[in-house]
Amino acid sequence: MAKGADYVVQYRRKREGKTNYKKRLNLLKSRKSRLVIRKSNKRIIAQIVDYDEKGDRIIASADSNELRKYDWKFSTSNLPAAYLTGFLCAKRGISKGNKEATLDMGLHPPIKGSRIYSALKGAIDSGLQVPKSDGVFPDEKRIAGGHIIDYASMLDKKDYEKRFSGYIKAGVDPKEITRSFEDVKNKIEKSFQTQK
């Protein structure tokens, strides 16, 4: 155990490896809302957050599990679901007056073409102003699920049933993911047009 007059105990979240306070401070210096995107093995969460001395205030949020309300029957953790989650969150934020934000990806590494950047692309496509570099986004085919269709069509029957057992149980065909992606995106768009 460390001893001495100059020893300072680090914040709990820093000790646990949950928060990078230097990075957070730099984000807060921009004085803009933050588009916070987090991913897990089963879902994507996007939030528009404002700083407050008493604690951060969430202006708008979306969880990829909410896509079920818009008839999304596929995985809630893939690239298309990430895009749709970012799109939905940004639409909610814009409807509450937030038109710009900075990306907060937490401790996730900045990997080109990842689900984080897919969600960011969805937020930008919905009209949210976020500083970005165009080279980091996945291509349009991957965002719409084209890579899933390609993978499903190259497998033999046994491997197909093994890899897509969740889709088979749900009664959905992975080759329909692009059409479903467009349908869900249009439903989200229409739901906000009717609110105006």
C-alpha atoms as a PDB file:
ATOM      1  CA  MET A   1       0.000   0.000   0.000  1.00  0.00           C
ATOM      2  CA  ALA A   2       1.270   3.461  -0.906  1.00  0.00           C
ATOM      3  CA  LYS A   3       2.183   5.814   1.907  1.00  0.00           C
ATOM      4  CA  GLY A   4       3.258   9.406   2.100  1.00  0.00           C
ATOM      5  CA  ALA A   5       1.860  12.909   2.283  1.00  0.00           C
ATOM      6  CA  ASP A   6       1.615  13.317  -1.471  1.00  0.00           C
ATOM      7  CA  TYR A   7      -0.254  10.049  -2.154  1.00  0.00           C
ATOM      8  CA  VAL A   8      -3.697  10.627  -3.699  1.00  0.00           C
ATOM      9  CA  VAL A   9      -6.309   7.920  -4.115  1.00  0.00           C
ATOM     10  CA  GLN A  10      -7.631   7.855  -7.684  1.00  0.00           C
ATOM     11  CA  TYR A  11     -11.336   8.157  -8.406  1.00  0.00           C
ATOM     12  CA  ARG A  12     -13.151   4.833  -8.117  1.00  0.00           C
ATOM     13  CA  ARG A  13     -14.250   4.786 -11.772  1.00  0.00           C
ATOM     14  CA  LYS A  14     -10.651   5.395 -12.868  1.00  0.00           C
ATOM     15  CA  ARG A  15      -9.377   2.593 -10.625  1.00  0.00           C
ATOM     16  CA  GLU A  16     -12.011   0.239 -12.088  1.00  0.00           C
ATOM     17  CA  GLY A  17     -11.042   1.241 -15.645  1.00  0.00           C
ATOM     18  CA  LYS A  18     -14.521   2.637 -16.438  1.00  0.00           C
ATOM     19  CA  THR A  19     -13.741   6.311 -17.083  1.00  0.00           C
ATOM     20  CA  ASN A  20     -10.878   8.186 -18.705  1.00  0.00           C
ATOM     21  CA  TYR A  21     -11.210  11.556 -16.940  1.00  0.00           C
ATOM     22  CA  LYS A  22      -8.681  13.342 -19.160  1.00  0.00           C
ATOM     23  CA  LYS A  23     -10.637  12.373 -22.278  1.00  0.00           C
ATOM     24  CA  ARG A  24     -13.938  13.296 -20.591  1.00  0.00           C
ATOM     25  CA  LEU A  25     -12.620  16.741 -19.625  1.00  0.00           C
ATOM     26  CA  ASN A  26     -11.560  17.418 -23.223  1.00  0.00           C
ATOM     27  CA  LEU A  27     -15.066  16.481 -24.418  1.00  0.00           C
ATOM     28  CA  LEU A  28     -16.680  18.760 -21.837  1.00  0.00           C
ATOM     29  CA  LYS A  29     -14.459  21.705 -22.857  1.00  0.00           C
ATOM     30  CA  SER A  30     -16.266  21.794 -26.211  1.00  0.00           C
ATOM     31  CA  ARG A  31     -19.410  22.961 -24.339  1.00  0.00           C
ATOM     32  CA  LYS A  32     -21.525  20.863 -26.707  1.00  0.00           C
ATOM     33  CA  SER A  33     -23.824  17.966 -25.944  1.00  0.00           C
ATOM     34  CA  ARG A  34     -22.182  14.548 -26.184  1.00  0.00           C
ATOM     35  CA  LEU A  35     -23.419  11.726 -28.379  1.00  0.00           C
ATOM     36  CA  VAL A  36     -22.590   8.803 -26.100  1.00  0.00           C
ATOM     37  CA  ILE A  37     -22.486   5.425 -27.874  1.00  0.00           C
ATOM     38  CA  ARG A  38     -21.911   2.197 -25.984  1.00  0.00           C
ATOM     39  CA  LYS A  39     -22.013  -1.388 -27.232  1.00  0.00           C
ATOM     40  CA  SER A  40     -22.327  -4.771 -25.603  1.00  0.00           C
ATOM     41  CA  ASN A  41     -22.580  -8.282 -26.998  1.00  0.00           C
ATOM     42  CA  LYS A  42     -26.366  -8.051 -27.328  1.00  0.00           C
ATOM     43  CA  ARG A  43     -27.265  -4.405 -27.865  1.00  0.00           C
ATOM     44  CA  ILE A  44     -26.242  -0.855 -28.733  1.00  0.00           C
ATOM     45  CA  ILE A  45     -27.122   2.181 -26.615  1.00  0.00           C
ATOM     46  CA  ALA A  46     -26.962   5.769 -27.877  1.00  0.00           C
ATOM     47  CA  GLN A  47     -27.638   8.858 -25.773  1.00  0.00           C
ATOM     48  CA  ILE A  48     -27.400  12.614 -26.180  1.00  0.00           C
ATOM     49  CA  VAL A  49     -26.091  13.938 -22.881  1.00  0.00           C
ATOM     50  CA  ASP A  50     -25.591  17.450 -21.466  1.00  0.00           C
ATOM     51  CA  TYR A  51     -23.182  18.212 -18.643  1.00  0.00           C
ATOM     52  CA  ASP A  52     -24.615  19.447 -15.350  1.00  0.00           C
ATOM     53  CA  GLU A  53     -22.782  20.067 -12.079  1.00  0.00           C
ATOM     54  CA  LYS A  54     -25.203  17.790 -10.234  1.00  0.00           C
ATOM     55  CA  GLY A  55     -24.749  15.034 -12.817  1.00  0.00           C
ATOM     56  CA  ASP A  56     -25.103  14.534 -16.536  1.00  0.00           C
ATOM     57  CA  ARG A  57     -28.593  15.083 -17.998  1.00  0.00           C
ATOM     58  CA  ILE A  58     -29.792  12.712 -20.687  1.00  0.00           C
ATOM     59  CA  ILE A  59     -31.629  14.654 -23.391  1.00  0.00           C
ATOM     60  CA  ALA A  60     -32.485  11.697 -25.645  1.00  0.00           C
ATOM     61  CA  SER A  61     -31.642   8.024 -25.734  1.00  0.00           C
ATOM     62  CA  ALA A  62     -32.245   4.918 -27.811  1.00  0.00           C
ATOM     63  CA  ASP A  63     -31.571   1.253 -27.167  1.00  0.00           C
ATOM     64  CA  SER A  64     -31.316  -1.227 -30.031  1.00  0.00           C
ATOM     65  CA  ASN A  65     -33.941  -3.377 -28.279  1.00  0.00           C
ATOM     66  CA  GLU A  66     -36.430  -0.563 -29.057  1.00  0.00           C
ATOM     67  CA  LEU A  67     -36.094  -1.390 -32.763  1.00  0.00           C
ATOM     68  CA  ARG A  68     -38.509  -4.285 -32.142  1.00  0.00           C
ATOM     69  CA  LYS A  69     -41.297  -1.662 -31.934  1.00  0.00           C
ATOM     70  CA  TYR A  70     -40.480  -0.770 -35.532  1.00  0.00           C
ATOM     71  CA  ASP A  71     -40.645  -4.463 -36.634  1.00  0.00           C
ATOM     72  CA  TRP A  72     -36.882  -5.153 -36.563  1.00  0.00           C
ATOM     73  CA  LYS A  73     -36.631  -8.954 -36.210  1.00  0.00           C
ATOM     74  CA  PHE A  74     -32.882  -9.362 -36.657  1.00  0.00           C
ATOM     75  CA  SER A  75     -29.969  -9.097 -34.226  1.00  0.00           C
ATOM     76  CA  THR A  76     -29.887  -5.990 -32.049  1.00  0.00           C
ATOM     77  CA  SER A  77     -26.090  -5.888 -31.966  1.00  0.00           C
ATOM     78  CA  ASN A  78     -25.049  -5.890 -35.633  1.00  0.00           C
ATOM     79  CA  LEU A  79     -24.048  -2.967 -37.908  1.00  0.00           C
ATOM     80  CA  PRO A  80     -27.554  -2.284 -39.283  1.00  0.00           C
ATOM     81  CA  ALA A  81     -29.019  -2.250 -35.750  1.00  0.00           C
ATOM     82  CA  ALA A  82     -26.266   0.144 -34.604  1.00  0.00           C
ATOM     83  CA  TYR A  83     -27.032   2.510 -37.500  1.00  0.00           C
ATOM     84  CA  LEU A  84     -30.776   2.443 -36.766  1.00  0.00           C
ATOM     85  CA  THR A  85     -30.171   3.036 -33.037  1.00  0.00           C
ATOM     86  CA  GLY A  86     -28.012   6.096 -33.764  1.00  0.00           C
ATOM     87  CA  PHE A  87     -30.619   7.300 -36.268  1.00  0.00           C
ATOM     88  CA  LEU A  88     -33.448   6.936 -33.710  1.00  0.00           C
ATOM     89  CA  CYS A  89     -31.496   8.626 -30.889  1.00  0.00           C
ATOM     90  CA  ALA A  90     -30.531  11.595 -33.058  1.00  0.00           C
ATOM     91  CA  LYS A  91     -34.116  12.029 -34.294  1.00  0.00           C
ATOM     92  CA  ARG A  92     -35.271  12.205 -30.666  1.00  0.00           C
ATOM     93  CA  GLY A  93     -32.517  14.689 -29.790  1.00  0.00           C
ATOM     94  CA  ILE A  94     -33.248  16.911 -32.792  1.00  0.00           C
ATOM     95  CA  SER A  95     -36.957  16.928 -31.918  1.00  0.00           C
ATOM     96  CA  LYS A  96     -35.946  18.325 -28.487  1.00  0.00           C
ATOM     97  CA  GLY A  97     -33.775  21.051 -29.997  1.00  0.00           C
ATOM     98  CA  ASN A  98     -30.318  19.451 -29.925  1.00  0.00           C
ATOM     99  CA  LYS A  99     -28.834  19.919 -33.372  1.00  0.00           C
ATOM    100  CA  GLU A 100     -25.136  19.281 -32.650  1.00  0.00           C
ATOM    101  CA  ALA A 101     -22.979  17.085 -30.460  1.00  0.00           C
ATOM    102  CA  THR A 102     -19.516  15.582 -30.093  1.00  0.00           C
ATOM    103  CA  LEU A 103     -18.878  11.832 -30.158  1.00  0.00           C
ATOM    104  CA  ASP A 104     -18.163  10.148 -26.823  1.00  0.00           C
ATOM    105  CA  MET A 105     -17.163   6.528 -27.369  1.00  0.00           C
ATOM    106  CA  GLY A 106     -15.866   6.008 -23.846  1.00  0.00           C
ATOM    107  CA  LEU A 107     -13.122   3.413 -23.560  1.00  0.00           C
ATOM    108  CA  HIS A 108     -14.021   1.645 -26.817  1.00  0.00           C
ATOM    109  CA  PRO A 109     -11.100   1.716 -29.261  1.00  0.00           C
ATOM    110  CA  PRO A 110     -11.649   3.776 -32.435  1.00  0.00           C
ATOM    111  CA  ILE A 111     -11.815   0.965 -35.014  1.00  0.00           C
ATOM    112  CA  LYS A 112     -12.657   1.967 -38.582  1.00  0.00           C
ATOM    113  CA  GLY A 113     -15.983   0.487 -39.740  1.00  0.00           C
ATOM    114  CA  SER A 114     -17.076  -0.604 -36.238  1.00  0.00           C
ATOM    115  CA  ARG A 115     -20.576  -0.569 -34.741  1.00  0.00           C
ATOM    116  CA  ILE A 116     -19.720   2.688 -32.941  1.00  0.00           C
ATOM    117  CA  TYR A 117     -19.102   4.422 -36.264  1.00  0.00           C
ATOM    118  CA  SER A 118     -22.172   2.795 -37.775  1.00  0.00           C
ATOM    119  CA  ALA A 119     -24.283   4.356 -34.994  1.00  0.00           C
ATOM    120  CA  LEU A 120     -22.519   7.690 -35.563  1.00  0.00           C
ATOM    121  CA  LYS A 121     -23.335   7.490 -39.291  1.00  0.00           C
ATOM    122  CA  GLY A 122     -27.003   6.914 -38.405  1.00  0.00           C
ATOM    123  CA  ALA A 123     -26.993   9.979 -36.150  1.00  0.00           C
ATOM    124  CA  ILE A 124     -25.388  12.139 -38.836  1.00  0.00           C
ATOM    125  CA  ASP A 125     -27.788  10.883 -41.527  1.00  0.00           C
ATOM    126  CA  SER A 126     -30.719  11.893 -39.346  1.00  0.00           C
ATOM    127  CA  GLY A 127     -29.459  15.487 -39.293  1.00  0.00           C
ATOM    128  CA  LEU A 128     -27.326  15.719 -36.121  1.00  0.00           C
ATOM    129  CA  GLN A 129     -24.168  17.813 -36.614  1.00  0.00           C
ATOM    130  CA  VAL A 130     -21.172  15.839 -35.295  1.00  0.00           C
ATOM    131  CA  PRO A 131     -17.504  16.485 -36.178  1.00  0.00           C
ATOM    132  CA  LYS A 132     -16.197  13.403 -37.989  1.00  0.00           C
ATOM    133  CA  SER A 133     -13.737  11.979 -40.470  1.00  0.00           C
ATOM    134  CA  ASP A 134     -15.488  10.330 -43.431  1.00  0.00           C
ATOM    135  CA  GLY A 135     -12.936   7.512 -43.696  1.00  0.00           C
ATOM    136  CA  VAL A 136     -14.053   5.827 -40.466  1.00  0.00           C
ATOM    137  CA  PHE A 137     -17.567   4.795 -41.519  1.00  0.00           C
ATOM    138  CA  PRO A 138     -18.476   1.311 -42.757  1.00  0.00           C
ATOM    139  CA  ASP A 139     -19.534   1.281 -46.415  1.00  0.00           C
ATOM    140  CA  GLU A 140     -23.237   1.620 -47.289  1.00  0.00           C
ATOM    141  CA  LYS A 141     -23.580  -2.068 -48.217  1.00  0.00           C
ATOM    142  CA  ARG A 142     -22.376  -3.196 -44.779  1.00  0.00           C
ATOM    143  CA  ILE A 143     -24.563  -0.632 -42.988  1.00  0.00           C
ATOM    144  CA  ALA A 144     -27.639  -2.035 -44.774  1.00  0.00           C
ATOM    145  CA  GLY A 145     -26.623  -5.644 -43.964  1.00  0.00           C
ATOM    146  CA  GLY A 146     -25.273  -6.669 -47.378  1.00  0.00           C
ATOM    147  CA  HIS A 147     -22.331  -8.478 -45.774  1.00  0.00           C
ATOM    148  CA  ILE A 148     -24.780 -10.641 -43.796  1.00  0.00           C
ATOM    149  CA  ILE A 149     -26.604 -11.605 -46.999  1.00  0.00           C
ATOM    150  CA  ASP A 150     -23.290 -12.449 -48.709  1.00  0.00           C
ATOM    151  CA  TYR A 151     -22.182 -14.590 -45.761  1.00  0.00           C
ATOM    152  CA  ALA A 152     -25.519 -16.443 -45.557  1.00  0.00           C
ATOM    153  CA  SER A 153     -25.522 -17.220 -49.285  1.00  0.00           C
ATOM    154  CA  MET A 154     -22.003 -18.700 -49.253  1.00  0.00           C
ATOM    155  CA  LEU A 155     -22.706 -21.235 -46.449  1.00  0.00           C
ATOM    156  CA  ASP A 156     -23.881 -24.778 -47.042  1.00  0.00           C
ATOM    157  CA  LYS A 157     -27.143 -25.912 -45.410  1.00  0.00           C
ATOM    158  CA  LYS A 158     -25.539 -27.385 -42.264  1.00  0.00           C
ATOM    159  CA  ASP A 159     -23.367 -24.329 -41.550  1.00  0.00           C
ATOM    160  CA  TYR A 160     -26.259 -22.000 -42.399  1.00  0.00           C
ATOM    161  CA  GLU A 161     -28.490 -23.698 -39.805  1.00  0.00           C
ATOM    162  CA  LYS A 162     -25.694 -23.513 -37.241  1.00  0.00           C
ATOM    163  CA  ARG A 163     -24.680 -19.864 -37.830  1.00  0.00           C
ATOM    164  CA  PHE A 164     -28.199 -18.486 -38.243  1.00  0.00           C
ATOM    165  CA  SER A 165     -30.043 -20.648 -35.705  1.00  0.00           C
ATOM    166  CA  GLY A 166     -31.336 -17.537 -33.886  1.00  0.00           C
ATOM    167  CA  TYR A 167     -32.797 -16.158 -37.108  1.00  0.00           C
ATOM    168  CA  ILE A 168     -34.338 -19.543 -37.965  1.00  0.00           C
ATOM    169  CA  LYS A 169     -35.977 -19.705 -34.502  1.00  0.00           C
ATOM    170  CA  ALA A 170     -37.339 -16.179 -34.990  1.00  0.00           C
ATOM    171  CA  GLY A 171     -38.648 -17.176 -38.432  1.00  0.00           C
ATOM    172  CA  VAL A 172     -36.674 -14.575 -40.369  1.00  0.00           C
ATOM    173  CA  ASP A 173     -34.521 -14.961 -43.448  1.00  0.00           C
ATOM    174  CA  PRO A 174     -31.126 -13.204 -43.258  1.00  0.00           C
ATOM    175  CA  LYS A 175     -31.424 -12.482 -46.982  1.00  0.00           C
ATOM    176  CA  GLU A 176     -34.283 -10.062 -46.151  1.00  0.00           C
ATOM    177  CA  ILE A 177     -32.195  -7.899 -43.813  1.00  0.00           C
ATOM    178  CA  THR A 178     -31.567  -5.076 -46.327  1.00  0.00           C
ATOM    179  CA  ARG A 179     -35.269  -4.711 -47.124  1.00  0.00           C
ATOM    180  CA  SER A 180     -36.149  -4.807 -43.423  1.00  0.00           C
ATOM    181  CA  PHE A 181     -33.433  -2.213 -42.707  1.00  0.00           C
ATOM    182  CA  GLU A 182     -34.980   0.219 -45.205  1.00  0.00           C
ATOM    183  CA  ASP A 183     -38.496  -0.446 -43.851  1.00  0.00           C
ATOM    184  CA  VAL A 184     -37.468   0.239 -40.246  1.00  0.00           C
ATOM    185  CA  LYS A 185     -35.570   3.393 -41.233  1.00  0.00           C
ATOM    186  CA  ASN A 186     -38.642   4.675 -43.095  1.00  0.00           C
ATOM    187  CA  LYS A 187     -40.902   3.879 -40.109  1.00  0.00           C
ATOM    188  CA  ILE A 188     -38.620   5.826 -37.770  1.00  0.00           C
ATOM    189  CA  GLU A 189     -38.573   8.749 -40.226  1.00  0.00           C
ATOM    190  CA  LYS A 190     -42.384   8.727 -40.569  1.00  0.00           C
ATOM    191  CA  SER A 191     -42.935   8.558 -36.800  1.00  0.00           C
ATOM    192  CA  PHE A 192     -41.059  11.855 -36.392  1.00  0.00           C
ATOM    193  CA  GLN A 193     -42.771  13.508 -39.363  1.00  0.00           C
ATOM    194  CA  THR A 194     -46.174  12.856 -37.764  1.00  0.00           C
ATOM    195  CA  GLN A 195     -44.999  14.458 -34.490  1.00  0.00           C
ATOM    196  CA  LYS A 196     -44.331  17.825 -36.193  1.00  0.00           C
END
